[in-house]
PDB file of N, CA and C in Angstrom:
ATOM      1  N   MET A   1      37.059  24.229 -20.032  1.00  0.00           N
ATOM      2  CA  MET A   1      37.975  24.177 -21.152  1.00  0.00           C
ATOM      3  C   MET A   1      38.579  25.571 -21.360  1.00  0.00           C
ATOM      4  N   SER A   2      39.904  25.619 -21.555  1.00  0.00           N
ATOM      5  CA  SER A   2      40.554  26.917 -21.714  1.00  0.00           C
ATOM      6  C   SER A   2      40.404  27.426 -23.140  1.00  0.00           C
ATOM      7  N   GLU A   3      40.405  28.747 -23.238  1.00  0.00           N
ATOM      8  CA  GLU A   3      40.251  29.412 -24.529  1.00  0.00           C
ATOM      9  C   GLU A   3      41.591  29.414 -25.259  1.00  0.00           C
ATOM     10  N   ALA A   4      41.589  29.160 -26.560  1.00  0.00           N
ATOM     11  CA  ALA A   4      42.815  29.139 -27.351  1.00  0.00           C
ATOM     12  C   ALA A   4      43.437  30.532 -27.396  1.00  0.00           C
ATOM     13  N   GLN A   5      44.762  30.577 -27.296  1.00  0.00           N
ATOM     14  CA  GLN A   5      45.494  31.830 -27.362  1.00  0.00           C
ATOM     15  C   GLN A   5      45.619  32.270 -28.826  1.00  0.00           C
ATOM     16  N   PRO A   6      45.548  33.562 -29.105  1.00  0.00           N
ATOM     17  CA  PRO A   6      45.727  34.029 -30.483  1.00  0.00           C
ATOM     18  C   PRO A   6      47.156  33.778 -30.954  1.00  0.00           C
ATOM     19  N   VAL A   7      47.316  33.535 -32.237  1.00  0.00           N
ATOM     20  CA  VAL A   7      48.619  33.275 -32.824  1.00  0.00           C
ATOM     21  C   VAL A   7      48.965  34.419 -33.770  1.00  0.00           C
ATOM     22  N   THR A   8      50.180  34.941 -33.650  1.00  0.00           N
ATOM     23  CA  THR A   8      50.687  35.973 -34.544  1.00  0.00           C
ATOM     24  C   THR A   8      51.442  35.283 -35.672  1.00  0.00           C
ATOM     25  N   ASN A   9      51.297  35.785 -36.898  1.00  0.00           N
ATOM     26  CA  ASN A   9      51.987  35.211 -38.051  1.00  0.00           C
ATOM     27  C   ASN A   9      52.894  36.258 -38.691  1.00  0.00           C
ATOM     28  N   ILE A  10      54.108  35.834 -39.045  1.00  0.00           N
ATOM     29  CA  ILE A  10      55.037  36.683 -39.783  1.00  0.00           C
ATOM     30  C   ILE A  10      55.545  35.874 -40.972  1.00  0.00           C
ATOM     31  N   ASP A  11      55.356  36.414 -42.171  1.00  0.00           N
ATOM     32  CA  ASP A  11      55.891  35.807 -43.384  1.00  0.00           C
ATOM     33  C   ASP A  11      57.135  36.598 -43.754  1.00  0.00           C
ATOM     34  N   VAL A  12      58.304  36.061 -43.408  1.00  0.00           N
ATOM     35  CA  VAL A  12      59.539  36.809 -43.626  1.00  0.00           C
ATOM     36  C   VAL A  12      59.927  36.893 -45.092  1.00  0.00           C
ATOM     37  N   ARG A  13      59.278  36.138 -45.939  1.00  0.00           N
ATOM     38  CA  ARG A  13      59.585  36.180 -47.374  1.00  0.00           C
ATOM     39  C   ARG A  13      59.260  37.536 -47.980  1.00  0.00           C
ATOM     40  N   VAL A  14      58.385  38.300 -47.339  1.00  0.00           N
ATOM     41  CA  VAL A  14      57.984  39.607 -47.869  1.00  0.00           C
ATOM     42  C   VAL A  14      58.604  40.769 -47.090  1.00  0.00           C
ATOM     43  N   ILE A  15      59.542  40.459 -46.209  1.00  0.00           N
ATOM     44  CA  ILE A  15      60.202  41.474 -45.383  1.00  0.00           C
ATOM     45  C   ILE A  15      61.654  41.586 -45.842  1.00  0.00           C
ATOM     46  N   PRO A  16      62.161  42.802 -46.028  1.00  0.00           N
ATOM     47  CA  PRO A  16      63.572  42.954 -46.395  1.00  0.00           C
ATOM     48  C   PRO A  16      64.468  42.235 -45.377  1.00  0.00           C
ATOM     49  N   PRO A  17      65.531  41.562 -45.833  1.00  0.00           N
ATOM     50  CA  PRO A  17      66.376  40.771 -44.933  1.00  0.00           C
ATOM     51  C   PRO A  17      66.857  41.492 -43.684  1.00  0.00           C
ATOM     52  N   HIS A  18      67.245  42.760 -43.786  1.00  0.00           N
ATOM     53  CA  HIS A  18      67.761  43.477 -42.615  1.00  0.00           C
ATOM     54  C   HIS A  18      66.674  43.812 -41.591  1.00  0.00           C
ATOM     55  N   GLU A  19      65.411  43.641 -41.951  1.00  0.00           N
ATOM     56  CA  GLU A  19      64.312  43.919 -41.023  1.00  0.00           C
ATOM     57  C   GLU A  19      63.709  42.652 -40.411  1.00  0.00           C
ATOM     58  N   ARG A  20      64.106  41.494 -40.902  1.00  0.00           N
ATOM     59  CA  ARG A  20      63.476  40.239 -40.473  1.00  0.00           C
ATOM     60  C   ARG A  20      63.681  39.944 -38.984  1.00  0.00           C
ATOM     61  N   HIS A  21      64.930  39.855 -38.560  1.00  0.00           N
ATOM     62  CA  HIS A  21      65.167  39.493 -37.159  1.00  0.00           C
ATOM     63  C   HIS A  21      64.627  40.532 -36.181  1.00  0.00           C
ATOM     64  N   PRO A  22      64.791  41.832 -36.445  1.00  0.00           N
ATOM     65  CA  PRO A  22      64.195  42.803 -35.522  1.00  0.00           C
ATOM     66  C   PRO A  22      62.674  42.627 -35.395  1.00  0.00           C
ATOM     67  N   GLN A  23      61.984  42.349 -36.503  1.00  0.00           N
ATOM     68  CA  GLN A  23      60.531  42.148 -36.428  1.00  0.00           C
ATOM     69  C   GLN A  23      60.191  40.872 -35.670  1.00  0.00           C
ATOM     70  N   ILE A  24      60.947  39.815 -35.930  1.00  0.00           N
ATOM     71  CA  ILE A  24      60.688  38.551 -35.233  1.00  0.00           C
ATOM     72  C   ILE A  24      60.907  38.715 -33.739  1.00  0.00           C
ATOM     73  N   PHE A  25      62.041  39.283 -33.346  1.00  0.00           N
ATOM     74  CA  PHE A  25      62.334  39.422 -31.922  1.00  0.00           C
ATOM     75  C   PHE A  25      61.406  40.417 -31.238  1.00  0.00           C
ATOM     76  N   GLY A  26      60.951  41.425 -31.966  1.00  0.00           N
ATOM     77  CA  GLY A  26      59.949  42.334 -31.412  1.00  0.00           C
ATOM     78  C   GLY A  26      58.647  41.610 -31.132  1.00  0.00           C
ATOM     79  N   ALA A  27      58.230  40.765 -32.073  1.00  0.00           N
ATOM     80  CA  ALA A  27      56.993  39.991 -31.894  1.00  0.00           C
ATOM     81  C   ALA A  27      57.146  38.973 -30.769  1.00  0.00           C
ATOM     82  N   LEU A  28      58.314  38.345 -30.671  1.00  0.00           N
ATOM     83  CA  LEU A  28      58.539  37.380 -29.592  1.00  0.00           C
ATOM     84  C   LEU A  28      58.499  38.067 -28.227  1.00  0.00           C
ATOM     85  N   GLY A  29      59.053  39.267 -28.155  1.00  0.00           N
ATOM     86  CA  GLY A  29      59.053  40.009 -26.900  1.00  0.00           C
ATOM     87  C   GLY A  29      57.660  40.404 -26.445  1.00  0.00           C
ATOM     88  N   ALA A  30      56.736  40.510 -27.387  1.00  0.00           N
ATOM     89  CA  ALA A  30      55.358  40.895 -27.057  1.00  0.00           C
ATOM     90  C   ALA A  30      54.495  39.708 -26.624  1.00  0.00           C
ATOM     91  N   LEU A  31      55.003  38.491 -26.802  1.00  0.00           N
ATOM     92  CA  LEU A  31      54.211  37.317 -26.429  1.00  0.00           C
ATOM     93  C   LEU A  31      54.138  37.160 -24.920  1.00  0.00           C
ATOM     94  N   THR A  32      52.992  36.724 -24.446  1.00  0.00           N
ATOM     95  CA  THR A  32      52.848  36.342 -23.048  1.00  0.00           C
ATOM     96  C   THR A  32      52.846  34.818 -22.987  1.00  0.00           C
ATOM     97  N   ALA A  33      52.997  34.276 -21.803  1.00  0.00           N
ATOM     98  CA  ALA A  33      53.054  32.821 -21.629  1.00  0.00           C
ATOM     99  C   ALA A  33      51.871  32.147 -22.314  1.00  0.00           C
ATOM    100  N   GLY A  34      52.182  31.153 -23.138  1.00  0.00           N
ATOM    101  CA  GLY A  34      51.149  30.408 -23.841  1.00  0.00           C
ATOM    102  C   GLY A  34      50.840  30.920 -25.229  1.00  0.00           C
ATOM    103  N   GLN A  35      51.279  32.132 -25.568  1.00  0.00           N
ATOM    104  CA  GLN A  35      51.035  32.662 -26.906  1.00  0.00           C
ATOM    105  C   GLN A  35      52.113  32.164 -27.876  1.00  0.00           C
ATOM    106  N   SER A  36      51.756  32.162 -29.168  1.00  0.00           N
ATOM    107  CA  SER A  36      52.662  31.658 -30.193  1.00  0.00           C
ATOM    108  C   SER A  36      52.871  32.659 -31.315  1.00  0.00           C
ATOM    109  N   LEU A  37      54.004  32.496 -31.971  1.00  0.00           N
ATOM    110  CA  LEU A  37      54.337  33.229 -33.178  1.00  0.00           C
ATOM    111  C   LEU A  37      54.625  32.194 -34.249  1.00  0.00           C
ATOM    112  N   GLN A  38      53.951  32.301 -35.387  1.00  0.00           N
ATOM    113  CA  GLN A  38      54.235  31.420 -36.504  1.00  0.00           C
ATOM    114  C   GLN A  38      55.016  32.191 -37.551  1.00  0.00           C
ATOM    115  N   ILE A  39      56.109  31.577 -38.007  1.00  0.00           N
ATOM    116  CA  ILE A  39      56.991  32.195 -38.985  1.00  0.00           C
ATOM    117  C   ILE A  39      56.970  31.360 -40.252  1.00  0.00           C
ATOM    118  N   THR A  40      56.850  32.034 -41.386  1.00  0.00           N
ATOM    119  CA  THR A  40      56.949  31.388 -42.694  1.00  0.00           C
ATOM    120  C   THR A  40      58.193  31.939 -43.368  1.00  0.00           C
ATOM    121  N   SER A  41      59.029  31.032 -43.876  1.00  0.00           N
ATOM    122  CA  SER A  41      60.304  31.430 -44.467  1.00  0.00           C
ATOM    123  C   SER A  41      60.597  30.622 -45.725  1.00  0.00           C
ATOM    124  N   ASP A  42      61.551  31.115 -46.511  1.00  0.00           N
ATOM    125  CA  ASP A  42      61.986  30.386 -47.693  1.00  0.00           C
ATOM    126  C   ASP A  42      63.249  29.572 -47.420  1.00  0.00           C
ATOM    127  N   HIS A  43      63.671  29.535 -46.154  1.00  0.00           N
ATOM    128  CA  HIS A  43      64.832  28.741 -45.753  1.00  0.00           C
ATOM    129  C   HIS A  43      64.621  28.224 -44.330  1.00  0.00           C
ATOM    130  N   ASP A  44      65.399  27.229 -43.964  1.00  0.00           N
ATOM    131  CA  ASP A  44      65.313  26.670 -42.619  1.00  0.00           C
ATOM    132  C   ASP A  44      65.773  27.728 -41.614  1.00  0.00           C
ATOM    133  N   PRO A  45      64.918  28.110 -40.659  1.00  0.00           N
ATOM    134  CA  PRO A  45      65.279  29.166 -39.701  1.00  0.00           C
ATOM    135  C   PRO A  45      66.143  28.659 -38.542  1.00  0.00           C
ATOM    136  N   ARG A  46      66.983  27.690 -38.807  1.00  0.00           N
ATOM    137  CA  ARG A  46      67.833  27.111 -37.767  1.00  0.00           C
ATOM    138  C   ARG A  46      68.687  28.148 -37.031  1.00  0.00           C
ATOM    139  N   PRO A  47      69.311  29.136 -37.719  1.00  0.00           N
ATOM    140  CA  PRO A  47      70.087  30.144 -36.975  1.00  0.00           C
ATOM    141  C   PRO A  47      69.233  30.899 -35.941  1.00  0.00           C
ATOM    142  N   LEU A  48      67.983  31.171 -36.279  1.00  0.00           N
ATOM    143  CA  LEU A  48      67.074  31.826 -35.341  1.00  0.00           C
ATOM    144  C   LEU A  48      66.862  30.954 -34.105  1.00  0.00           C
ATOM    145  N   LEU A  49      66.709  29.662 -34.313  1.00  0.00           N
ATOM    146  CA  LEU A  49      66.503  28.746 -33.186  1.00  0.00           C
ATOM    147  C   LEU A  49      67.736  28.685 -32.290  1.00  0.00           C
ATOM    148  N   TYR A  50      68.931  28.725 -32.885  1.00  0.00           N
ATOM    149  CA  TYR A  50      70.151  28.767 -32.091  1.00  0.00           C
ATOM    150  C   TYR A  50      70.199  30.032 -31.241  1.00  0.00           C
ATOM    151  N   GLN A  51      69.792  31.154 -31.833  1.00  0.00           N
ATOM    152  CA  GLN A  51      69.774  32.414 -31.086  1.00  0.00           C
ATOM    153  C   GLN A  51      68.795  32.333 -29.913  1.00  0.00           C
ATOM    154  N   LEU A  52      67.628  31.761 -30.144  1.00  0.00           N
ATOM    155  CA  LEU A  52      66.648  31.624 -29.061  1.00  0.00           C
ATOM    156  C   LEU A  52      67.192  30.753 -27.946  1.00  0.00           C
ATOM    157  N   ALA A  53      67.769  29.617 -28.311  1.00  0.00           N
ATOM    158  CA  ALA A  53      68.283  28.690 -27.305  1.00  0.00           C
ATOM    159  C   ALA A  53      69.430  29.301 -26.506  1.00  0.00           C
ATOM    160  N   THR A  54      70.256  30.090 -27.179  1.00  0.00           N
ATOM    161  CA  THR A  54      71.419  30.690 -26.525  1.00  0.00           C
ATOM    162  C   THR A  54      71.061  31.915 -25.701  1.00  0.00           C
ATOM    163  N   ASN A  55      70.282  32.828 -26.274  1.00  0.00           N
ATOM    164  CA  ASN A  55      69.998  34.104 -25.622  1.00  0.00           C
ATOM    165  C   ASN A  55      68.809  34.080 -24.668  1.00  0.00           C
ATOM    166  N   PHE A  56      67.890  33.138 -24.864  1.00  0.00           N
ATOM    167  CA  PHE A  56      66.678  33.086 -24.050  1.00  0.00           C
ATOM    168  C   PHE A  56      66.376  31.650 -23.625  1.00  0.00           C
ATOM    169  N   PRO A  57      67.328  30.978 -22.963  1.00  0.00           N
ATOM    170  CA  PRO A  57      67.139  29.566 -22.622  1.00  0.00           C
ATOM    171  C   PRO A  57      65.884  29.336 -21.780  1.00  0.00           C
ATOM    172  N   GLY A  58      65.095  28.372 -22.209  1.00  0.00           N
ATOM    173  CA  GLY A  58      63.893  27.997 -21.463  1.00  0.00           C
ATOM    174  C   GLY A  58      62.699  28.912 -21.646  1.00  0.00           C
ATOM    175  N   GLU A  59      62.846  30.015 -22.383  1.00  0.00           N
ATOM    176  CA  GLU A  59      61.740  30.959 -22.541  1.00  0.00           C
ATOM    177  C   GLU A  59      60.804  30.608 -23.689  1.00  0.00           C
ATOM    178  N   PHE A  60      61.351  29.929 -24.712  1.00  0.00           N
ATOM    179  CA  PHE A  60      60.563  29.637 -25.903  1.00  0.00           C
ATOM    180  C   PHE A  60      60.708  28.169 -26.294  1.00  0.00           C
ATOM    181  N   GLY A  61      59.610  27.621 -26.817  1.00  0.00           N
ATOM    182  CA  GLY A  61      59.631  26.299 -27.413  1.00  0.00           C
ATOM    183  C   GLY A  61      59.253  26.467 -28.870  1.00  0.00           C
ATOM    184  N   TRP A  62      59.599  25.498 -29.705  1.00  0.00           N
ATOM    185  CA  TRP A  62      59.265  25.613 -31.115  1.00  0.00           C
ATOM    186  C   TRP A  62      58.979  24.248 -31.717  1.00  0.00           C
ATOM    187  N   GLU A  63      58.248  24.312 -32.818  1.00  0.00           N
ATOM    188  CA  GLU A  63      57.885  23.112 -33.551  1.00  0.00           C
ATOM    189  C   GLU A  63      57.824  23.465 -35.034  1.00  0.00           C
ATOM    190  N   TYR A  64      58.440  22.622 -35.837  1.00  0.00           N
ATOM    191  CA  TYR A  64      58.335  22.799 -37.282  1.00  0.00           C
ATOM    192  C   TYR A  64      56.945  22.352 -37.718  1.00  0.00           C
ATOM    193  N   LEU A  65      56.258  23.186 -38.480  1.00  0.00           N
ATOM    194  CA  LEU A  65      54.955  22.842 -39.045  1.00  0.00           C
ATOM    195  C   LEU A  65      55.111  22.379 -40.489  1.00  0.00           C
ATOM    196  N   GLU A  66      56.162  22.868 -41.151  1.00  0.00           N
ATOM    197  CA  GLU A  66      56.478  22.502 -42.529  1.00  0.00           C
ATOM    198  C   GLU A  66      57.988  22.660 -42.700  1.00  0.00           C
ATOM    199  N   GLN A  67      58.635  21.697 -43.376  1.00  0.00           N
ATOM    200  CA  GLN A  67      60.089  21.719 -43.490  1.00  0.00           C
ATOM    201  C   GLN A  67      60.556  21.615 -44.933  1.00  0.00           C
ATOM    202  N   GLY A  68      60.267  22.645 -45.730  1.00  0.00           N
ATOM    203  CA  GLY A  68      60.784  22.802 -47.075  1.00  0.00           C
ATOM    204  C   GLY A  68      60.385  21.709 -48.042  1.00  0.00           C
ATOM    205  N   PRO A  69      60.967  21.728 -49.205  1.00  0.00           N
ATOM    206  CA  PRO A  69      62.146  22.519 -49.564  1.00  0.00           C
ATOM    207  C   PRO A  69      61.830  23.950 -50.004  1.00  0.00           C
ATOM    208  N   GLU A  70      60.589  24.249 -50.327  1.00  0.00           N
ATOM    209  CA  GLU A  70      60.230  25.597 -50.780  1.00  0.00           C
ATOM    210  C   GLU A  70      59.838  26.523 -49.633  1.00  0.00           C
ATOM    211  N   VAL A  71      59.128  25.977 -48.657  1.00  0.00           N
ATOM    212  CA  VAL A  71      58.592  26.776 -47.557  1.00  0.00           C
ATOM    213  C   VAL A  71      58.859  26.064 -46.229  1.00  0.00           C
ATOM    214  N   TRP A  72      59.297  26.854 -45.251  1.00  0.00           N
ATOM    215  CA  TRP A  72      59.439  26.371 -43.882  1.00  0.00           C
ATOM    216  C   TRP A  72      58.468  27.161 -43.031  1.00  0.00           C
ATOM    217  N   ARG A  73      57.739  26.463 -42.174  1.00  0.00           N
ATOM    218  CA  ARG A  73      56.836  27.119 -41.235  1.00  0.00           C
ATOM    219  C   ARG A  73      57.186  26.610 -39.849  1.00  0.00           C
ATOM    220  N   LEU A  74      57.227  27.545 -38.922  1.00  0.00           N
ATOM    221  CA  LEU A  74      57.664  27.254 -37.569  1.00  0.00           C
ATOM    222  C   LEU A  74      56.711  27.903 -36.582  1.00  0.00           C
ATOM    223  N   ASP A  75      56.369  27.185 -35.544  1.00  0.00           N
ATOM    224  CA  ASP A  75      55.557  27.737 -34.458  1.00  0.00           C
ATOM    225  C   ASP A  75      56.473  27.897 -33.246  1.00  0.00           C
ATOM    226  N   ILE A  76      56.613  29.125 -32.766  1.00  0.00           N
ATOM    227  CA  ILE A  76      57.426  29.415 -31.579  1.00  0.00           C
ATOM    228  C   ILE A  76      56.477  29.882 -30.488  1.00  0.00           C
ATOM    229  N   ASN A  77      56.530  29.229 -29.330  1.00  0.00           N
ATOM    230  CA  ASN A  77      55.625  29.622 -28.252  1.00  0.00           C
ATOM    231  C   ASN A  77      56.397  30.081 -27.024  1.00  0.00           C
ATOM    232  N   ARG A  78      55.807  31.055 -26.340  1.00  0.00           N
ATOM    233  CA  ARG A  78      56.377  31.565 -25.086  1.00  0.00           C
ATOM    234  C   ARG A  78      56.019  30.563 -24.000  1.00  0.00           C
ATOM    235  N   MET A  79      57.030  30.024 -23.368  1.00  0.00           N
ATOM    236  CA  MET A  79      56.823  29.036 -22.320  1.00  0.00           C
ATOM    237  C   MET A  79      56.316  29.728 -21.051  1.00  0.00           C
ATOM    238  N   ALA A  80      55.539  29.019 -20.284  1.00  0.00           N
ATOM    239  CA  ALA A  80      55.086  29.537 -18.992  1.00  0.00           C
ATOM    240  C   ALA A  80      56.271  29.484 -18.045  1.00  0.00           C
ATOM    241  N   GLY A  81      56.442  30.510 -17.266  1.00  0.00           N
ATOM    242  CA  GLY A  81      57.552  30.540 -16.326  1.00  0.00           C
ATOM    243  C   GLY A  81      57.397  31.686 -15.362  1.00  0.00           C
ATOM    244  N   GLU A  82      58.189  31.641 -14.315  1.00  0.00           N
ATOM    245  CA  GLU A  82      58.109  32.683 -13.295  1.00  0.00           C
ATOM    246  C   GLU A  82      58.660  34.001 -13.794  1.00  0.00           C
ATOM    247  N   SER A  83      59.718  33.961 -14.590  1.00  0.00           N
ATOM    248  CA  SER A  83      60.328  35.227 -15.024  1.00  0.00           C
ATOM    249  C   SER A  83      60.207  35.373 -16.519  1.00  0.00           C
ATOM    250  N   GLU A  84      59.462  36.385 -16.932  1.00  0.00           N
ATOM    251  CA  GLU A  84      59.369  36.716 -18.345  1.00  0.00           C
ATOM    252  C   GLU A  84      60.190  37.970 -18.565  1.00  0.00           C
ATOM    253  N   SER A  85      61.063  37.923 -19.562  1.00  0.00           N
ATOM    254  CA  SER A  85      61.918  39.080 -19.846  1.00  0.00           C
ATOM    255  C   SER A  85      61.085  40.221 -20.377  1.00  0.00           C
ATOM    256  N   SER A  86      61.603  41.416 -20.205  1.00  0.00           N
ATOM    257  CA  SER A  86      60.904  42.584 -20.714  1.00  0.00           C
ATOM    258  C   SER A  86      61.038  42.678 -22.224  1.00  0.00           C
ATOM    259  N   ASP A  87      60.157  43.451 -22.847  1.00  0.00           N
ATOM    260  CA  ASP A  87      60.205  43.660 -24.287  1.00  0.00           C
ATOM    261  C   ASP A  87      61.553  44.242 -24.702  1.00  0.00           C
ATOM    262  N   GLU A  88      62.124  45.062 -23.843  1.00  0.00           N
ATOM    263  CA  GLU A  88      63.388  45.703 -24.161  1.00  0.00           C
ATOM    264  C   GLU A  88      64.479  44.664 -24.418  1.00  0.00           C
ATOM    265  N   GLU A  89      64.464  43.545 -23.676  1.00  0.00           N
ATOM    266  CA  GLU A  89      65.471  42.523 -23.853  1.00  0.00           C
ATOM    267  C   GLU A  89      65.314  41.806 -25.178  1.00  0.00           C
ATOM    268  N   HIS A  90      64.134  41.857 -25.796  1.00  0.00           N
ATOM    269  CA  HIS A  90      63.876  41.158 -27.042  1.00  0.00           C
ATOM    270  C   HIS A  90      63.833  42.113 -28.228  1.00  0.00           C
ATOM    271  N   SER A  91      64.329  43.302 -28.060  1.00  0.00           N
ATOM    272  CA  SER A  91      64.204  44.280 -29.136  1.00  0.00           C
ATOM    273  C   SER A  91      65.218  44.064 -30.247  1.00  0.00           C
ATOM    274  N   GLY A  92      66.249  43.283 -30.011  1.00  0.00           N
ATOM    275  CA  GLY A  92      67.242  43.015 -31.031  1.00  0.00           C
ATOM    276  C   GLY A  92      67.661  41.568 -31.007  1.00  0.00           C
ATOM    277  N   CYS A  93      68.336  41.166 -32.055  1.00  0.00           N
ATOM    278  CA  CYS A  93      68.691  39.755 -32.138  1.00  0.00           C
ATOM    279  C   CYS A  93      70.178  39.512 -31.918  1.00  0.00           C
ATOM    280  N   ASP A  94      70.973  40.573 -31.774  1.00  0.00           N
ATOM    281  CA  ASP A  94      72.395  40.440 -31.501  1.00  0.00           C
ATOM    282  C   ASP A  94      73.081  39.566 -32.548  1.00  0.00           C
ATOM    283  N   CYS A  95      72.790  39.822 -33.808  1.00  0.00           N
ATOM    284  CA  CYS A  95      73.363  39.007 -34.877  1.00  0.00           C
ATOM    285  C   CYS A  95      73.946  39.890 -35.966  1.00  0.00           C
ATOM    286  N   CYS A  96      74.309  39.276 -37.067  1.00  0.00           N
ATOM    287  CA  CYS A  96      74.899  40.014 -38.185  1.00  0.00           C
ATOM    288  C   CYS A  96      73.924  40.138 -39.346  1.00  0.00           C
ATOM    289  N   CYS A  97      72.643  40.335 -39.047  1.00  0.00           N
ATOM    290  CA  CYS A  97      71.621  40.384 -40.109  1.00  0.00           C
ATOM    291  C   CYS A  97      71.631  41.716 -40.864  1.00  0.00           C
ATOM    292  N   GLY A  98      72.474  42.645 -40.448  1.00  0.00           N
ATOM    293  CA  GLY A  98      72.556  43.911 -41.163  1.00  0.00           C
ATOM    294  C   GLY A  98      71.643  44.984 -40.609  1.00  0.00           C
ATOM    295  N   SER A  99      70.914  44.679 -39.565  1.00  0.00           N
ATOM    296  CA  SER A  99      69.984  45.632 -38.974  1.00  0.00           C
ATOM    297  C   SER A  99      70.737  46.621 -38.097  1.00  0.00           C
ATOM    298  N   ASN A 100      70.137  47.778 -37.884  1.00  0.00           N
ATOM    299  CA  ASN A 100      70.715  48.788 -36.994  1.00  0.00           C
ATOM    300  C   ASN A 100      70.101  48.725 -35.616  1.00  0.00           C
ATOM    301  N   HIS A 101      69.941  47.579 -35.085  1.00  0.00           N
ATOM    302  CA  HIS A 101      69.335  47.454 -33.756  1.00  0.00           C
ATOM    303  C   HIS A 101      70.350  47.201 -32.700  1.00  0.00           C
TER     304      HIS A 101
END
């Protein structure tokens, strides 16, 4: 039986808005195949999912654990694959979140 992979949790409700995406993408870049990141938010993180699907196709899978209306929880996992991008590629989110990344 395989050992469960550790899960990282980020509660973006306590992070200033301009720091949210950089922290999320930094944590995603640190994941190895099979590891997960759980995000807790006060809104549906759909824009984040669009960014993942567009910028990192096939690298991450996700599942809603809770879908509002007060709290959204999402599990994002690094998919197993031959090519894993470097942390440098995940250091920014290439969006308009107001961050200086």
